[in-house]
């Protein structure tokens, strides 16, 4: 498999996890992260950063 395909697959996975997190309650997020990321700390970090960025963007849009 080519390196760019691997990155593409990883971003698709990140996107899927993020979508599931955004559709869930805050209390379910830890369970979802553990289920999808397991011991992959890098994956979890990317998803968590995007989740925070999405929340910050939503807060910004609501205030404006």
C-alpha atoms as a PDB file:
ATOM      1  CA  UNK A   1       0.000   0.000   0.000  1.00  0.00           C
ATOM      2  CA  UNK A   2       1.278   3.474  -0.836  1.00  0.00           C
ATOM      3  CA  UNK A   3       2.012   5.885   2.045  1.00  0.00           C
ATOM      4  CA  UNK A   4      -0.593   8.418   0.901  1.00  0.00           C
ATOM      5  CA  UNK A   5      -3.267   5.702   0.932  1.00  0.00           C
ATOM      6  CA  UNK A   6      -2.426   4.913   4.537  1.00  0.00           C
ATOM      7  CA  UNK A   7      -2.762   8.575   5.512  1.00  0.00           C
ATOM      8  CA  UNK A   8      -6.041   8.788   3.626  1.00  0.00           C
ATOM      9  CA  UNK A   9      -7.363   5.726   5.427  1.00  0.00           C
ATOM     10  CA  UNK A  10      -6.281   7.148   8.771  1.00  0.00           C
ATOM     11  CA  UNK A  11      -8.045  10.469   8.113  1.00  0.00           C
ATOM     12  CA  UNK A  12     -11.192   8.590   7.138  1.00  0.00           C
ATOM     13  CA  UNK A  13     -11.018   6.715  10.437  1.00  0.00           C
ATOM     14  CA  UNK A  14     -10.455   9.958  12.363  1.00  0.00           C
ATOM     15  CA  UNK A  15     -13.439  11.497  10.587  1.00  0.00           C
ATOM     16  CA  UNK A  16     -15.660   8.516  11.413  1.00  0.00           C
ATOM     17  CA  UNK A  17     -14.666   8.566  15.084  1.00  0.00           C
ATOM     18  CA  UNK A  18     -15.178  12.323  15.293  1.00  0.00           C
ATOM     19  CA  UNK A  19     -18.632  12.013  13.747  1.00  0.00           C
ATOM     20  CA  UNK A  20     -19.592   9.367  16.278  1.00  0.00           C
ATOM     21  CA  UNK A  21     -18.301  11.509  19.137  1.00  0.00           C
ATOM     22  CA  UNK A  22     -20.223  14.557  17.955  1.00  0.00           C
ATOM     23  CA  UNK A  23     -23.402  12.481  17.735  1.00  0.00           C
ATOM     24  CA  UNK A  24     -22.979  11.122  21.266  1.00  0.00           C
ATOM     25  CA  UNK A  25     -23.387  12.553  24.732  1.00  0.00           C
ATOM     26  CA  UNK A  26     -20.356  13.880  26.559  1.00  0.00           C
ATOM     27  CA  UNK A  27     -20.636  11.023  29.056  1.00  0.00           C
ATOM     28  CA  UNK A  28     -20.198   8.440  26.264  1.00  0.00           C
ATOM     29  CA  UNK A  29     -17.098   9.988  24.711  1.00  0.00           C
ATOM     30  CA  UNK A  30     -14.480   8.240  26.838  1.00  0.00           C
ATOM     31  CA  UNK A  31     -15.973   4.849  26.005  1.00  0.00           C
ATOM     32  CA  UNK A  32     -16.078   5.671  22.286  1.00  0.00           C
ATOM     33  CA  UNK A  33     -12.479   6.912  22.275  1.00  0.00           C
ATOM     34  CA  UNK A  34     -11.282   3.789  24.066  1.00  0.00           C
ATOM     35  CA  UNK A  35     -13.257   1.518  21.743  1.00  0.00           C
ATOM     36  CA  UNK A  36     -11.899   3.064  18.543  1.00  0.00           C
ATOM     37  CA  UNK A  37      -8.415   4.187  19.566  1.00  0.00           C
ATOM     38  CA  UNK A  38      -7.353   1.494  22.006  1.00  0.00           C
ATOM     39  CA  UNK A  39      -3.625   1.817  22.616  1.00  0.00           C
ATOM     40  CA  UNK A  40      -3.080   4.110  19.601  1.00  0.00           C
ATOM     41  CA  UNK A  41      -2.254   7.309  21.460  1.00  0.00           C
ATOM     42  CA  UNK A  42      -1.540   9.212  18.256  1.00  0.00           C
ATOM     43  CA  UNK A  43      -4.977   8.440  16.865  1.00  0.00           C
ATOM     44  CA  UNK A  44      -6.639   9.432  20.111  1.00  0.00           C
ATOM     45  CA  UNK A  45      -4.679  12.684  20.270  1.00  0.00           C
ATOM     46  CA  UNK A  46      -5.693  13.650  16.723  1.00  0.00           C
ATOM     47  CA  UNK A  47      -9.347  12.899  17.413  1.00  0.00           C
ATOM     48  CA  UNK A  48      -9.307  14.782  20.728  1.00  0.00           C
ATOM     49  CA  UNK A  49      -7.655  17.841  19.140  1.00  0.00           C
ATOM     50  CA  UNK A  50     -10.289  17.941  16.407  1.00  0.00           C
ATOM     51  CA  UNK A  51     -13.062  17.471  18.963  1.00  0.00           C
ATOM     52  CA  UNK A  52     -11.802  20.465  20.970  1.00  0.00           C
ATOM     53  CA  UNK A  53     -11.408  22.553  17.809  1.00  0.00           C
ATOM     54  CA  UNK A  54     -14.943  21.686  16.736  1.00  0.00           C
ATOM     55  CA  UNK A  55     -16.315  22.616  20.163  1.00  0.00           C
ATOM     56  CA  UNK A  56     -14.404  25.919  20.126  1.00  0.00           C
ATOM     57  CA  UNK A  57     -15.690  26.718  16.641  1.00  0.00           C
ATOM     58  CA  UNK A  58     -19.255  25.983  17.733  1.00  0.00           C
ATOM     59  CA  UNK A  59     -18.866  28.219  20.777  1.00  0.00           C
ATOM     60  CA  UNK A  60     -17.509  31.004  18.596  1.00  0.00           C
ATOM     61  CA  UNK A  61     -20.392  30.739  16.160  1.00  0.00           C
ATOM     62  CA  UNK A  62     -22.973  30.808  18.967  1.00  0.00           C
ATOM     63  CA  UNK A  63     -21.485  33.949  20.546  1.00  0.00           C
ATOM     64  CA  UNK A  64     -21.318  35.892  17.280  1.00  0.00           C
END
